[in-house]
Amino acid sequence: MNTKAEIRQYEEIPGQVFVAALLESVERMSGFVLNEVKNDQATAPDHEIIGAMVLQGENAMLLTLGTNKTSASLLVSFMTGIETAALDDNLLNDGVTELINMVGGSARARLEATNYKFILSVPFTLVGEGVKIEVKKRTDSFIARLVCDEIDLMLRLYKL
C-alpha cells in the first residue's frame, strides 16, 4: 500500500517513466530483464560508477544510475559484445554513460505530451569506491532499485 509520501513523489516526479525507460533500454541493448525490488539500502552494493545527466527545463531534475563494476561489466559486455575481461575503466564508463543517455532520451520522448519537457545535458560518469551524490538542497526525489542475477542498479531522480 502506498503512503502519502510515496503518492506525492509519483505526482511530482515521474519516476516510473524513467524506470520503464531503463527496463526497455537494458533489455533491448543487453537482453537482460531487470525487476524492480524494494529499495533496501542495507543490501545494495556500493556504487563504483554513477552515470548522470541533468534534465534542464521548468521541472529540472538530476538523473543518476549507480552500480558496481561487476554489474557494469556484465551490462556493457552484453551491450557491446566485448568480453568482460577486455573491458577497461574507460569502456565501462563509456557504456554506463551511453546507458544513462538512452534512458534520458527514452524518458524525454515518453514525457513529451506532459509538463515534464526538458533538454538533456551531456551524460557523464562519476567513479570511485563508494562514490555517491549528495544533493544539498533536497526537495523531492525518486529511487528505484532494479536487479537481474548479478546485475544491481539504483536509479535516482532528484528534483532541482
Protein backbone atom coordinates (compact mmCIF):
# COMPACT_ATOMS: atom_id res chain seq x y z
CA MET A 1 0.00 0.00 0.00
CA ASN A 2 1.35 3.43 -0.93
CA THR A 3 1.95 6.00 1.77
CA LYS A 4 1.07 9.65 1.21
CA ALA A 5 4.77 10.45 0.73
CA GLU A 6 5.10 7.78 -1.99
CA ILE A 7 1.98 9.03 -3.75
CA ARG A 8 3.23 12.63 -3.61
CA GLN A 9 6.57 11.57 -5.11
CA TYR A 10 4.87 9.93 -8.08
CA GLU A 11 2.72 13.02 -8.67
CA GLU A 12 5.70 15.37 -8.65
CA ILE A 13 8.43 13.21 -10.15
CA PRO A 14 7.50 10.86 -12.99
CA GLY A 15 9.83 8.15 -11.66
CA GLN A 16 8.06 5.16 -13.15
CA VAL A 17 8.53 6.64 -16.63
CA PHE A 18 12.29 6.54 -16.05
CA VAL A 19 12.08 3.01 -14.65
CA ALA A 20 10.22 1.90 -17.80
CA ALA A 21 12.84 3.64 -19.97
CA LEU A 22 15.64 1.86 -18.10
CA LEU A 23 13.94 -1.54 -18.28
CA GLU A 24 13.38 -1.17 -22.02
CA SER A 25 16.89 0.15 -22.74
CA VAL A 26 18.63 -2.61 -20.80
CA GLU A 27 16.53 -5.36 -22.35
CA ARG A 28 16.95 -4.00 -25.88
CA MET A 29 20.71 -3.46 -25.59
CA SER A 30 21.75 -6.46 -23.48
CA GLY A 31 18.87 -8.92 -23.33
CA PHE A 32 18.73 -8.74 -19.52
CA VAL A 33 15.26 -8.40 -17.98
CA LEU A 34 15.51 -6.33 -14.82
CA ASN A 35 13.00 -6.46 -11.99
CA GLU A 36 12.24 -3.63 -9.62
CA VAL A 37 12.77 -4.63 -5.99
CA LYS A 38 12.03 -2.91 -2.73
CA ASN A 39 14.73 -0.34 -2.14
CA ASP A 40 16.80 -1.72 0.72
CA GLN A 41 19.91 0.42 1.10
CA ALA A 42 21.46 -2.08 3.51
CA THR A 43 21.69 -4.83 0.89
CA ALA A 44 22.55 -2.62 -2.09
CA PRO A 45 26.16 -2.95 -3.24
CA ASP A 46 28.48 0.05 -3.05
CA HIS A 47 28.39 2.17 -6.16
CA GLU A 48 31.66 2.41 -8.03
CA ILE A 49 30.21 4.02 -11.16
CA ILE A 50 27.39 6.54 -11.36
CA GLY A 51 26.09 7.65 -14.72
CA ALA A 52 24.42 11.05 -14.52
CA MET A 53 22.67 13.65 -16.59
CA VAL A 54 20.91 16.93 -15.85
CA LEU A 55 17.43 17.30 -17.28
CA GLN A 56 17.13 21.04 -17.88
CA GLY A 57 13.79 22.80 -18.04
CA GLU A 58 10.95 24.14 -15.93
CA ASN A 59 10.88 20.86 -13.97
CA ALA A 60 14.67 20.37 -13.85
CA MET A 61 15.95 17.08 -12.45
CA LEU A 62 19.18 15.19 -11.94
CA LEU A 63 19.02 11.63 -13.30
CA THR A 64 21.56 9.12 -11.94
CA LEU A 65 22.20 5.42 -12.38
CA GLY A 66 24.52 3.88 -9.80
CA THR A 67 26.10 0.45 -9.96
CA ASN A 68 29.22 -1.55 -9.16
CA LYS A 69 31.92 -2.69 -11.60
CA THR A 70 30.60 -6.27 -11.73
CA SER A 71 27.15 -5.13 -12.83
CA ALA A 72 28.57 -2.55 -15.24
CA SER A 73 30.92 -5.14 -16.77
CA LEU A 74 28.10 -7.59 -17.44
CA LEU A 75 25.84 -4.95 -18.94
CA VAL A 76 28.50 -3.32 -21.09
CA SER A 77 29.79 -6.69 -22.26
CA PHE A 78 26.35 -7.72 -23.49
CA MET A 79 25.70 -4.24 -24.94
CA THR A 80 28.96 -4.20 -26.93
CA GLY A 81 29.89 -7.84 -27.46
CA ILE A 82 33.26 -7.22 -25.78
CA GLU A 83 34.35 -9.88 -23.26
CA THR A 84 34.20 -8.65 -19.66
CA ALA A 85 37.95 -9.32 -19.19
CA ALA A 86 38.71 -6.94 -22.07
CA LEU A 87 36.68 -4.05 -20.65
CA ASP A 88 38.88 -1.37 -19.13
CA ASP A 89 37.64 1.51 -16.97
CA ASN A 90 37.20 3.81 -19.99
CA LEU A 91 34.96 1.30 -21.76
CA LEU A 92 32.91 0.71 -18.59
CA ASN A 93 32.44 4.43 -18.04
CA ASP A 94 31.52 4.93 -21.70
CA GLY A 95 28.98 2.09 -21.54
CA VAL A 96 27.29 3.45 -18.40
CA THR A 97 27.28 6.94 -19.94
CA GLU A 98 25.60 5.57 -23.07
CA LEU A 99 23.01 3.74 -20.98
CA ILE A 100 22.08 6.87 -18.98
CA ASN A 101 21.85 8.77 -22.27
CA MET A 102 19.42 6.18 -23.66
CA VAL A 103 17.30 6.28 -20.50
CA GLY A 104 17.14 10.07 -20.54
CA GLY A 105 16.24 10.17 -24.23
CA SER A 106 13.59 7.49 -23.92
CA ALA A 107 12.00 9.17 -20.87
CA ARG A 108 12.08 12.54 -22.64
CA ALA A 109 10.15 11.08 -25.58
CA ARG A 110 7.64 9.40 -23.23
CA LEU A 111 7.04 12.67 -21.35
CA GLU A 112 6.76 14.91 -24.44
CA ALA A 113 2.99 15.38 -24.05
CA THR A 114 3.25 16.33 -20.34
CA ASN A 115 4.53 19.34 -18.42
CA TYR A 116 7.86 17.49 -17.98
CA LYS A 117 9.61 18.86 -21.03
CA PHE A 118 13.37 19.08 -20.72
CA ILE A 119 16.66 19.32 -22.55
CA LEU A 120 19.23 16.61 -21.84
CA SER A 121 22.69 17.61 -20.70
CA VAL A 122 25.75 15.75 -21.86
CA PRO A 123 25.83 12.50 -19.84
CA PHE A 124 28.80 11.85 -17.57
CA THR A 125 30.06 9.35 -15.01
CA LEU A 126 31.38 9.66 -11.50
CA VAL A 127 33.72 6.88 -10.44
CA GLY A 128 35.47 5.68 -7.30
CA GLU A 129 34.99 3.38 -4.34
CA GLY A 130 31.73 4.09 -2.54
CA VAL A 131 31.06 7.12 -4.76
CA LYS A 132 27.75 8.84 -4.07
CA ILE A 133 25.93 12.02 -4.93
CA GLU A 134 24.68 14.30 -2.20
CA VAL A 135 22.10 16.91 -3.14
CA LYS A 136 22.49 19.76 -0.67
CA LYS A 137 19.02 21.21 -1.04
CA ARG A 138 16.79 18.18 -1.14
CA THR A 139 13.34 18.75 -2.45
CA ASP A 140 11.71 15.64 -3.83
CA SER A 141 13.49 12.52 -5.03
CA PHE A 142 12.65 9.17 -6.51
CA ILE A 143 14.67 5.97 -6.02
CA ALA A 144 14.20 2.59 -7.70
CA ARG A 145 16.41 -0.47 -7.40
CA LEU A 146 16.46 -2.89 -10.33
CA VAL A 147 18.15 -6.29 -10.38
CA CYS A 148 18.71 -9.34 -12.58
CA ASP A 149 21.01 -12.09 -11.31
CA GLU A 150 24.36 -10.36 -10.66
CA ILE A 151 23.23 -7.00 -12.07
CA ASP A 152 22.18 -4.43 -9.48
CA LEU A 153 21.27 -0.87 -10.49
CA MET A 154 19.98 2.10 -8.50
CA LEU A 155 18.02 4.70 -10.49
CA ARG A 156 17.59 8.07 -8.80
CA LEU A 157 15.86 11.28 -9.79
CA TYR A 158 16.36 14.48 -7.84
CA LYS A 159 14.09 17.46 -8.41
CA LEU A 160 16.34 20.52 -8.70
